[in-house]
Amino acid sequence: MGIPPEDIQKWKTMLKTAAPATVLREMAKQYNVTRSTLGFMLADLNDEVSTTEVQTVWGWDIQGNGRGLSDDELNRDLAPLFRTQN
């Protein structure tokens, strides 16, 4: 599953002012998807996504239960993807 084309600009705009963890968590709720799907959805938001960034999302502690990467770690690792996005 990818991001519906009509929603892509909305998420890109949100990523200009909100942290990736915040936006991805909101996407997970809206589309009712897991980290696995969210990782692949990154490619809809930036053409420069690599396997490393996808795996970062897969290893993220989206539930906040202490198992996986913290929000801060995810934000740090994904920040280069969204810093200069138009």
PDB file of N, CA and C in Angstrom:
ATOM      1  N   MET A   1       0.839  -1.179   0.000  1.00  0.00           N
ATOM      2  CA  MET A   1       0.000   0.000   0.000  1.00  0.00           C
ATOM      3  C   MET A   1       0.885   1.244   0.000  1.00  0.00           C
ATOM      4  N   GLY A   2       0.546   2.180  -0.835  1.00  0.00           N
ATOM      5  CA  GLY A   2       1.253   3.448  -0.859  1.00  0.00           C
ATOM      6  C   GLY A   2       0.327   4.557  -0.368  1.00  0.00           C
ATOM      7  N   ILE A   3       0.875   5.734  -0.302  1.00  0.00           N
ATOM      8  CA  ILE A   3       0.078   6.892   0.081  1.00  0.00           C
ATOM      9  C   ILE A   3      -0.805   7.272  -1.095  1.00  0.00           C
ATOM     10  N   PRO A   4      -2.090   7.506  -0.866  1.00  0.00           N
ATOM     11  CA  PRO A   4      -2.942   7.958  -1.967  1.00  0.00           C
ATOM     12  C   PRO A   4      -2.343   9.226  -2.589  1.00  0.00           C
ATOM     13  N   PRO A   5      -2.278   9.289  -3.902  1.00  0.00           N
ATOM     14  CA  PRO A   5      -1.645  10.439  -4.568  1.00  0.00           C
ATOM     15  C   PRO A   5      -2.164  11.796  -4.107  1.00  0.00           C
ATOM     16  N   GLU A   6      -3.445  11.876  -3.811  1.00  0.00           N
ATOM     17  CA  GLU A   6      -4.019  13.152  -3.390  1.00  0.00           C
ATOM     18  C   GLU A   6      -3.573  13.572  -1.987  1.00  0.00           C
ATOM     19  N   ASP A   7      -2.944  12.658  -1.233  1.00  0.00           N
ATOM     20  CA  ASP A   7      -2.487  12.964   0.127  1.00  0.00           C
ATOM     21  C   ASP A   7      -0.991  13.268   0.215  1.00  0.00           C
ATOM     22  N   ILE A   8      -0.240  12.967  -0.811  1.00  0.00           N
ATOM     23  CA  ILE A   8       1.223  13.080  -0.737  1.00  0.00           C
ATOM     24  C   ILE A   8       1.664  14.502  -0.386  1.00  0.00           C
ATOM     25  N   GLN A   9       1.107  15.503  -1.041  1.00  0.00           N
ATOM     26  CA  GLN A   9       1.539  16.872  -0.762  1.00  0.00           C
ATOM     27  C   GLN A   9       1.227  17.284   0.678  1.00  0.00           C
ATOM     28  N   LYS A  10       0.114  16.797   1.200  1.00  0.00           N
ATOM     29  CA  LYS A  10      -0.243  17.103   2.591  1.00  0.00           C
ATOM     30  C   LYS A  10       0.852  16.631   3.548  1.00  0.00           C
ATOM     31  N   TRP A  11       1.318  15.405   3.368  1.00  0.00           N
ATOM     32  CA  TRP A  11       2.340  14.849   4.254  1.00  0.00           C
ATOM     33  C   TRP A  11       3.683  15.545   4.048  1.00  0.00           C
ATOM     34  N   LYS A  12       4.019  15.849   2.791  1.00  0.00           N
ATOM     35  CA  LYS A  12       5.267  16.570   2.530  1.00  0.00           C
ATOM     36  C   LYS A  12       5.253  17.935   3.213  1.00  0.00           C
ATOM     37  N   THR A  13       4.124  18.605   3.164  1.00  0.00           N
ATOM     38  CA  THR A  13       3.992  19.909   3.811  1.00  0.00           C
ATOM     39  C   THR A  13       4.137  19.780   5.322  1.00  0.00           C
ATOM     40  N   MET A  14       3.524  18.754   5.901  1.00  0.00           N
ATOM     41  CA  MET A  14       3.641  18.536   7.343  1.00  0.00           C
ATOM     42  C   MET A  14       5.088  18.284   7.752  1.00  0.00           C
ATOM     43  N   LEU A  15       5.838  17.581   6.909  1.00  0.00           N
ATOM     44  CA  LEU A  15       7.229  17.260   7.231  1.00  0.00           C
ATOM     45  C   LEU A  15       8.130  18.487   7.219  1.00  0.00           C
ATOM     46  N   LYS A  16       7.655  19.595   6.687  1.00  0.00           N
ATOM     47  CA  LYS A  16       8.443  20.830   6.708  1.00  0.00           C
ATOM     48  C   LYS A  16       8.446  21.467   8.096  1.00  0.00           C
ATOM     49  N   THR A  17       7.422  21.175   8.896  1.00  0.00           N
ATOM     50  CA  THR A  17       7.318  21.812  10.211  1.00  0.00           C
ATOM     51  C   THR A  17       7.243  20.824  11.364  1.00  0.00           C
ATOM     52  N   ALA A  18       6.936  19.572  11.091  1.00  0.00           N
ATOM     53  CA  ALA A  18       6.797  18.564  12.148  1.00  0.00           C
ATOM     54  C   ALA A  18       7.873  17.495  11.999  1.00  0.00           C
ATOM     55  N   ALA A  19       8.224  16.886  13.107  1.00  0.00           N
ATOM     56  CA  ALA A  19       9.232  15.827  13.119  1.00  0.00           C
ATOM     57  C   ALA A  19       8.711  14.590  12.382  1.00  0.00           C
ATOM     58  N   PRO A  20       9.618  13.847  11.724  1.00  0.00           N
ATOM     59  CA  PRO A  20       9.199  12.635  11.034  1.00  0.00           C
ATOM     60  C   PRO A  20       8.395  11.673  11.912  1.00  0.00           C
ATOM     61  N   ALA A  21       8.794  11.499  13.175  1.00  0.00           N
ATOM     62  CA  ALA A  21       8.061  10.571  14.054  1.00  0.00           C
ATOM     63  C   ALA A  21       6.608  11.009  14.218  1.00  0.00           C
ATOM     64  N   THR A  22       6.388  12.293  14.348  1.00  0.00           N
ATOM     65  CA  THR A  22       5.026  12.818  14.501  1.00  0.00           C
ATOM     66  C   THR A  22       4.205  12.557  13.250  1.00  0.00           C
ATOM     67  N   VAL A  23       4.790  12.851  12.099  1.00  0.00           N
ATOM     68  CA  VAL A  23       4.074  12.677  10.827  1.00  0.00           C
ATOM     69  C   VAL A  23       3.825  11.200  10.546  1.00  0.00           C
ATOM     70  N   LEU A  24       4.835  10.365  10.738  1.00  0.00           N
ATOM     71  CA  LEU A  24       4.664   8.930  10.465  1.00  0.00           C
ATOM     72  C   LEU A  24       3.632   8.301  11.398  1.00  0.00           C
ATOM     73  N   ARG A  25       3.628   8.714  12.653  1.00  0.00           N
ATOM     74  CA  ARG A  25       2.634   8.182  13.587  1.00  0.00           C
ATOM     75  C   ARG A  25       1.215   8.580  13.134  1.00  0.00           C
ATOM     76  N   GLU A  26       1.072   9.802  12.671  1.00  0.00           N
ATOM     77  CA  GLU A  26      -0.221  10.273  12.170  1.00  0.00           C
ATOM     78  C   GLU A  26      -0.629   9.495  10.909  1.00  0.00           C
ATOM     79  N   MET A  27       0.335   9.226  10.048  1.00  0.00           N
ATOM     80  CA  MET A  27       0.054   8.432   8.843  1.00  0.00           C
ATOM     81  C   MET A  27      -0.388   7.022   9.223  1.00  0.00           C
ATOM     82  N   ALA A  28       0.283   6.425  10.204  1.00  0.00           N
ATOM     83  CA  ALA A  28      -0.070   5.072  10.638  1.00  0.00           C
ATOM     84  C   ALA A  28      -1.516   5.031  11.117  1.00  0.00           C
ATOM     85  N   LYS A  29      -1.917   6.066  11.848  1.00  0.00           N
ATOM     86  CA  LYS A  29      -3.305   6.129  12.333  1.00  0.00           C
ATOM     87  C   LYS A  29      -4.286   6.317  11.187  1.00  0.00           C
ATOM     88  N   GLN A  30      -3.976   7.270  10.307  1.00  0.00           N
ATOM     89  CA  GLN A  30      -4.913   7.569   9.218  1.00  0.00           C
ATOM     90  C   GLN A  30      -5.130   6.389   8.292  1.00  0.00           C
ATOM     91  N   TYR A  31      -4.052   5.691   7.956  1.00  0.00           N
ATOM     92  CA  TYR A  31      -4.158   4.585   6.997  1.00  0.00           C
ATOM     93  C   TYR A  31      -4.230   3.217   7.664  1.00  0.00           C
ATOM     94  N   ASN A  32      -4.132   3.193   9.000  1.00  0.00           N
ATOM     95  CA  ASN A  32      -4.178   1.937   9.745  1.00  0.00           C
ATOM     96  C   ASN A  32      -3.134   0.945   9.225  1.00  0.00           C
ATOM     97  N   VAL A  33      -1.864   1.390   9.228  1.00  0.00           N
ATOM     98  CA  VAL A  33      -0.774   0.566   8.719  1.00  0.00           C
ATOM     99  C   VAL A  33       0.283   0.355   9.795  1.00  0.00           C
ATOM    100  N   THR A  34       1.126  -0.633   9.573  1.00  0.00           N
ATOM    101  CA  THR A  34       2.217  -0.972  10.489  1.00  0.00           C
ATOM    102  C   THR A  34       3.505  -0.269  10.071  1.00  0.00           C
ATOM    103  N   ARG A  35       4.536  -0.443  10.891  1.00  0.00           N
ATOM    104  CA  ARG A  35       5.857   0.111  10.562  1.00  0.00           C
ATOM    105  C   ARG A  35       6.365  -0.403   9.230  1.00  0.00           C
ATOM    106  N   SER A  36       6.084  -1.646   8.930  1.00  0.00           N
ATOM    107  CA  SER A  36       6.552  -2.212   7.666  1.00  0.00           C
ATOM    108  C   SER A  36       6.027  -1.415   6.485  1.00  0.00           C
ATOM    109  N   THR A  37       4.750  -1.155   6.488  1.00  0.00           N
ATOM    110  CA  THR A  37       4.146  -0.387   5.399  1.00  0.00           C
ATOM    111  C   THR A  37       4.627   1.055   5.423  1.00  0.00           C
ATOM    112  N   LEU A  38       4.753   1.641   6.618  1.00  0.00           N
ATOM    113  CA  LEU A  38       5.244   3.022   6.724  1.00  0.00           C
ATOM    114  C   LEU A  38       6.632   3.164   6.101  1.00  0.00           C
ATOM    115  N   GLY A  39       7.471   2.173   6.321  1.00  0.00           N
ATOM    116  CA  GLY A  39       8.811   2.223   5.739  1.00  0.00           C
ATOM    117  C   GLY A  39       8.753   2.348   4.232  1.00  0.00           C
ATOM    118  N   PHE A  40       7.892   1.583   3.615  1.00  0.00           N
ATOM    119  CA  PHE A  40       7.753   1.655   2.159  1.00  0.00           C
ATOM    120  C   PHE A  40       7.089   2.951   1.710  1.00  0.00           C
ATOM    121  N   MET A  41       6.229   3.506   2.551  1.00  0.00           N
ATOM    122  CA  MET A  41       5.564   4.774   2.213  1.00  0.00           C
ATOM    123  C   MET A  41       6.542   5.938   2.131  1.00  0.00           C
ATOM    124  N   LEU A  42       7.704   5.815   2.777  1.00  0.00           N
ATOM    125  CA  LEU A  42       8.706   6.875   2.697  1.00  0.00           C
ATOM    126  C   LEU A  42       9.055   7.203   1.250  1.00  0.00           C
ATOM    127  N   ALA A  43       9.080   6.190   0.406  1.00  0.00           N
ATOM    128  CA  ALA A  43       9.430   6.402  -1.000  1.00  0.00           C
ATOM    129  C   ALA A  43       8.418   7.295  -1.711  1.00  0.00           C
ATOM    130  N   ASP A  44       7.192   7.366  -1.204  1.00  0.00           N
ATOM    131  CA  ASP A  44       6.196   8.266  -1.782  1.00  0.00           C
ATOM    132  C   ASP A  44       6.463   9.720  -1.393  1.00  0.00           C
ATOM    133  N   LEU A  45       7.235   9.911  -0.328  1.00  0.00           N
ATOM    134  CA  LEU A  45       7.483  11.253   0.193  1.00  0.00           C
ATOM    135  C   LEU A  45       8.832  11.828  -0.222  1.00  0.00           C
ATOM    136  N   ASN A  46       9.738  10.968  -0.659  1.00  0.00           N
ATOM    137  CA  ASN A  46      11.063  11.429  -1.061  1.00  0.00           C
ATOM    138  C   ASN A  46      11.689  10.393  -1.990  1.00  0.00           C
ATOM    139  N   ASP A  47      12.174  10.851  -3.135  1.00  0.00           N
ATOM    140  CA  ASP A  47      12.780   9.950  -4.128  1.00  0.00           C
ATOM    141  C   ASP A  47      14.135   9.401  -3.707  1.00  0.00           C
ATOM    142  N   GLU A  48      14.733   9.984  -2.677  1.00  0.00           N
ATOM    143  CA  GLU A  48      16.085   9.608  -2.252  1.00  0.00           C
ATOM    144  C   GLU A  48      16.105   8.565  -1.133  1.00  0.00           C
ATOM    145  N   VAL A  49      14.976   7.966  -0.821  1.00  0.00           N
ATOM    146  CA  VAL A  49      14.905   6.991   0.269  1.00  0.00           C
ATOM    147  C   VAL A  49      15.731   5.754  -0.077  1.00  0.00           C
ATOM    148  N   SER A  50      16.520   5.324   0.900  1.00  0.00           N
ATOM    149  CA  SER A  50      17.322   4.113   0.721  1.00  0.00           C
ATOM    150  C   SER A  50      16.794   3.010   1.634  1.00  0.00           C
ATOM    151  N   THR A  51      17.341   1.837   1.452  1.00  0.00           N
ATOM    152  CA  THR A  51      16.978   0.708   2.298  1.00  0.00           C
ATOM    153  C   THR A  51      17.250   1.026   3.764  1.00  0.00           C
ATOM    154  N   THR A  52      18.303   1.771   4.029  1.00  0.00           N
ATOM    155  CA  THR A  52      18.659   2.125   5.409  1.00  0.00           C
ATOM    156  C   THR A  52      17.531   2.896   6.085  1.00  0.00           C
ATOM    157  N   GLU A  53      16.955   3.885   5.399  1.00  0.00           N
ATOM    158  CA  GLU A  53      15.863   4.658   5.992  1.00  0.00           C
ATOM    159  C   GLU A  53      14.613   3.812   6.192  1.00  0.00           C
ATOM    160  N   VAL A  54      14.328   2.949   5.239  1.00  0.00           N
ATOM    161  CA  VAL A  54      13.177   2.050   5.381  1.00  0.00           C
ATOM    162  C   VAL A  54      13.376   1.162   6.613  1.00  0.00           C
ATOM    163  N   GLN A  55      14.570   0.614   6.774  1.00  0.00           N
ATOM    164  CA  GLN A  55      14.856  -0.242   7.919  1.00  0.00           C
ATOM    165  C   GLN A  55      14.811   0.539   9.228  1.00  0.00           C
ATOM    166  N   THR A  56      15.150   1.822   9.182  1.00  0.00           N
ATOM    167  CA  THR A  56      15.051   2.664  10.372  1.00  0.00           C
ATOM    168  C   THR A  56      13.609   2.721  10.855  1.00  0.00           C
ATOM    169  N   VAL A  57      12.686   2.909   9.930  1.00  0.00           N
ATOM    170  CA  VAL A  57      11.260   2.941  10.293  1.00  0.00           C
ATOM    171  C   VAL A  57      10.830   1.581  10.831  1.00  0.00           C
ATOM    172  N   TRP A  58      11.303   0.515  10.214  1.00  0.00           N
ATOM    173  CA  TRP A  58      10.947  -0.829  10.674  1.00  0.00           C
ATOM    174  C   TRP A  58      11.417  -1.075  12.101  1.00  0.00           C
ATOM    175  N   GLY A  59      12.531  -0.449  12.494  1.00  0.00           N
ATOM    176  CA  GLY A  59      13.076  -0.658  13.830  1.00  0.00           C
ATOM    177  C   GLY A  59      12.617   0.362  14.865  1.00  0.00           C
ATOM    178  N   TRP A  60      11.718   1.221  14.473  1.00  0.00           N
ATOM    179  CA  TRP A  60      11.241   2.303  15.332  1.00  0.00           C
ATOM    180  C   TRP A  60      10.232   1.803  16.362  1.00  0.00           C
ATOM    181  N   ASP A  61      10.290   2.358  17.541  1.00  0.00           N
ATOM    182  CA  ASP A  61       9.360   2.033  18.635  1.00  0.00           C
ATOM    183  C   ASP A  61       8.106   2.899  18.497  1.00  0.00           C
ATOM    184  N   ILE A  62       7.309   2.630  17.492  1.00  0.00           N
ATOM    185  CA  ILE A  62       6.116   3.435  17.199  1.00  0.00           C
ATOM    186  C   ILE A  62       5.119   3.414  18.357  1.00  0.00           C
ATOM    187  N   GLN A  63       5.082   2.322  19.104  1.00  0.00           N
ATOM    188  CA  GLN A  63       4.160   2.188  20.226  1.00  0.00           C
ATOM    189  C   GLN A  63       4.655   2.892  21.489  1.00  0.00           C
ATOM    190  N   GLY A  64       5.937   3.243  21.516  1.00  0.00           N
ATOM    191  CA  GLY A  64       6.500   3.897  22.690  1.00  0.00           C
ATOM    192  C   GLY A  64       6.634   2.969  23.883  1.00  0.00           C
ATOM    193  N   ASN A  65       6.891   1.696  23.615  1.00  0.00           N
ATOM    194  CA  ASN A  65       6.987   0.724  24.701  1.00  0.00           C
ATOM    195  C   ASN A  65       8.425   0.383  25.100  1.00  0.00           C
ATOM    196  N   GLY A  66       9.386   1.124  24.579  1.00  0.00           N
ATOM    197  CA  GLY A  66      10.779   0.901  24.961  1.00  0.00           C
ATOM    198  C   GLY A  66      11.502  -0.147  24.146  1.00  0.00           C
ATOM    199  N   ARG A  67      10.875  -0.648  23.085  1.00  0.00           N
ATOM    200  CA  ARG A  67      11.518  -1.657  22.240  1.00  0.00           C
ATOM    201  C   ARG A  67      11.695  -1.100  20.837  1.00  0.00           C
ATOM    202  N   GLY A  68      12.906  -0.714  20.517  1.00  0.00           N
ATOM    203  CA  GLY A  68      13.200  -0.169  19.195  1.00  0.00           C
ATOM    204  C   GLY A  68      13.758   1.239  19.295  1.00  0.00           C
ATOM    205  N   LEU A  69      13.937   1.863  18.152  1.00  0.00           N
ATOM    206  CA  LEU A  69      14.473   3.219  18.101  1.00  0.00           C
ATOM    207  C   LEU A  69      13.493   4.210  18.707  1.00  0.00           C
ATOM    208  N   SER A  70      14.030   5.159  19.439  1.00  0.00           N
ATOM    209  CA  SER A  70      13.186   6.207  20.013  1.00  0.00           C
ATOM    210  C   SER A  70      12.758   7.183  18.924  1.00  0.00           C
ATOM    211  N   ASP A  71      11.797   8.037  19.248  1.00  0.00           N
ATOM    212  CA  ASP A  71      11.378   9.075  18.313  1.00  0.00           C
ATOM    213  C   ASP A  71      12.563   9.964  17.955  1.00  0.00           C
ATOM    214  N   ASP A  72      13.370  10.319  18.945  1.00  0.00           N
ATOM    215  CA  ASP A  72      14.525  11.176  18.685  1.00  0.00           C
ATOM    216  C   ASP A  72      15.506  10.521  17.720  1.00  0.00           C
ATOM    217  N   GLU A  73      15.742   9.221  17.896  1.00  0.00           N
ATOM    218  CA  GLU A  73      16.655   8.505  16.991  1.00  0.00           C
ATOM    219  C   GLU A  73      16.082   8.444  15.579  1.00  0.00           C
ATOM    220  N   LEU A  74      14.797   8.168  15.469  1.00  0.00           N
ATOM    221  CA  LEU A  74      14.148   8.133  14.152  1.00  0.00           C
ATOM    222  C   LEU A  74      14.242   9.507  13.491  1.00  0.00           C
ATOM    223  N   ASN A  75      13.906  10.548  14.242  1.00  0.00           N
ATOM    224  CA  ASN A  75      13.953  11.905  13.694  1.00  0.00           C
ATOM    225  C   ASN A  75      15.350  12.260  13.208  1.00  0.00           C
ATOM    226  N   ARG A  76      16.357  11.911  14.000  1.00  0.00           N
ATOM    227  CA  ARG A  76      17.748  12.185  13.623  1.00  0.00           C
ATOM    228  C   ARG A  76      18.114  11.458  12.328  1.00  0.00           C
ATOM    229  N   ASP A  77      17.738  10.196  12.242  1.00  0.00           N
ATOM    230  CA  ASP A  77      18.125   9.388  11.084  1.00  0.00           C
ATOM    231  C   ASP A  77      17.375   9.768   9.808  1.00  0.00           C
ATOM    232  N   LEU A  78      16.160  10.271   9.940  1.00  0.00           N
ATOM    233  CA  LEU A  78      15.375  10.631   8.756  1.00  0.00           C
ATOM    234  C   LEU A  78      15.460  12.113   8.394  1.00  0.00           C
ATOM    235  N   ALA A  79      15.990  12.927   9.274  1.00  0.00           N
ATOM    236  CA  ALA A  79      16.055  14.378   9.043  1.00  0.00           C
ATOM    237  C   ALA A  79      16.686  14.753   7.701  1.00  0.00           C
ATOM    238  N   PRO A  80      17.778  14.114   7.282  1.00  0.00           N
ATOM    239  CA  PRO A  80      18.375  14.509   5.995  1.00  0.00           C
ATOM    240  C   PRO A  80      17.425  14.341   4.802  1.00  0.00           C
ATOM    241  N   LEU A  81      16.480  13.439   4.892  1.00  0.00           N
ATOM    242  CA  LEU A  81      15.537  13.232   3.788  1.00  0.00           C
ATOM    243  C   LEU A  81      14.589  14.407   3.602  1.00  0.00           C
ATOM    244  N   PHE A  82      14.283  15.095   4.680  1.00  0.00           N
ATOM    245  CA  PHE A  82      13.218  16.086   4.621  1.00  0.00           C
ATOM    246  C   PHE A  82      13.686  17.517   4.864  1.00  0.00           C
ATOM    247  N   ARG A  83      14.967  17.722   5.110  1.00  0.00           N
ATOM    248  CA  ARG A  83      15.495  19.060   5.372  1.00  0.00           C
ATOM    249  C   ARG A  83      15.323  20.026   4.225  1.00  0.00           C
ATOM    250  N   THR A  84      15.581  19.573   3.019  1.00  0.00           N
ATOM    251  CA  THR A  84      15.592  20.476   1.871  1.00  0.00           C
ATOM    252  C   THR A  84      14.451  20.219   0.903  1.00  0.00           C
ATOM    253  N   GLN A  85      13.464  19.543   1.374  1.00  0.00           N
ATOM    254  CA  GLN A  85      12.358  19.181   0.484  1.00  0.00           C
ATOM    255  C   GLN A  85      11.492  20.395   0.137  1.00  0.00           C
ATOM    256  N   ASN A  86      11.052  20.451  -1.111  1.00  0.00           N
ATOM    257  CA  ASN A  86      10.173  21.542  -1.557  1.00  0.00           C
ATOM    258  C   ASN A  86       8.719  21.161  -1.419  1.00  0.00           C
TER     259      ASN A  86
END
